């Protein structure tokens, strides 16, 4: 029980990191579109 709970938490943390990384990519793309250099 305890081990599976830790595994679930680890998977959620991985998903959260992926979402944060995607959000950063989107922000960078948006800022590039707003500022034509």
C-alpha atoms as a PDB file:
ATOM      1  CA  UNK A   1       0.000   0.000   0.000  1.00  0.00           C
ATOM      2  CA  UNK A   2       2.701   2.429   1.018  1.00  0.00           C
ATOM      3  CA  UNK A   3       4.920   1.658  -1.989  1.00  0.00           C
ATOM      4  CA  UNK A   4       2.120   2.096  -4.529  1.00  0.00           C
ATOM      5  CA  UNK A   5       1.172   5.434  -2.948  1.00  0.00           C
ATOM      6  CA  UNK A   6       4.751   6.680  -3.317  1.00  0.00           C
ATOM      7  CA  UNK A   7       4.730   5.523  -6.948  1.00  0.00           C
ATOM      8  CA  UNK A   8       1.518   7.453  -7.627  1.00  0.00           C
ATOM      9  CA  UNK A   9       3.009  10.595  -6.066  1.00  0.00           C
ATOM     10  CA  UNK A  10       6.165  10.210  -8.179  1.00  0.00           C
ATOM     11  CA  UNK A  11       4.054   9.861 -11.342  1.00  0.00           C
ATOM     12  CA  UNK A  12       2.036  12.963 -10.440  1.00  0.00           C
ATOM     13  CA  UNK A  13       5.262  14.911  -9.853  1.00  0.00           C
ATOM     14  CA  UNK A  14       6.564  13.828 -13.272  1.00  0.00           C
ATOM     15  CA  UNK A  15       3.307  14.958 -14.909  1.00  0.00           C
ATOM     16  CA  UNK A  16       3.466  18.286 -13.073  1.00  0.00           C
ATOM     17  CA  UNK A  17       7.038  18.852 -14.294  1.00  0.00           C
ATOM     18  CA  UNK A  18       5.968  18.075 -17.870  1.00  0.00           C
ATOM     19  CA  UNK A  19       3.066  20.527 -17.624  1.00  0.00           C
ATOM     20  CA  UNK A  20       5.365  23.242 -16.236  1.00  0.00           C
ATOM     21  CA  UNK A  21       7.844  22.636 -19.073  1.00  0.00           C
ATOM     22  CA  UNK A  22       5.021  22.843 -21.650  1.00  0.00           C
ATOM     23  CA  UNK A  23       3.732  26.048 -20.047  1.00  0.00           C
ATOM     24  CA  UNK A  24       7.192  27.617 -20.279  1.00  0.00           C
ATOM     25  CA  UNK A  25       7.461  26.626 -23.967  1.00  0.00           C
ATOM     26  CA  UNK A  26       4.048  28.173 -24.661  1.00  0.00           C
ATOM     27  CA  UNK A  27       5.014  31.382 -22.816  1.00  0.00           C
ATOM     28  CA  UNK A  28       8.265  31.621 -24.794  1.00  0.00           C
ATOM     29  CA  UNK A  29       6.362  31.101 -28.070  1.00  0.00           C
ATOM     30  CA  UNK A  30       3.745  33.690 -27.087  1.00  0.00           C
ATOM     31  CA  UNK A  31       6.380  36.276 -26.130  1.00  0.00           C
ATOM     32  CA  UNK A  32       8.222  35.644 -29.417  1.00  0.00           C
ATOM     33  CA  UNK A  33       4.994  36.235 -31.347  1.00  0.00           C
ATOM     34  CA  UNK A  34       4.295  39.449 -29.424  1.00  0.00           C
ATOM     35  CA  UNK A  35       7.825  40.844 -29.907  1.00  0.00           C
ATOM     36  CA  UNK A  36       8.883  40.542 -33.559  1.00  0.00           C
ATOM     37  CA  UNK A  37      12.663  41.032 -33.324  1.00  0.00           C
END
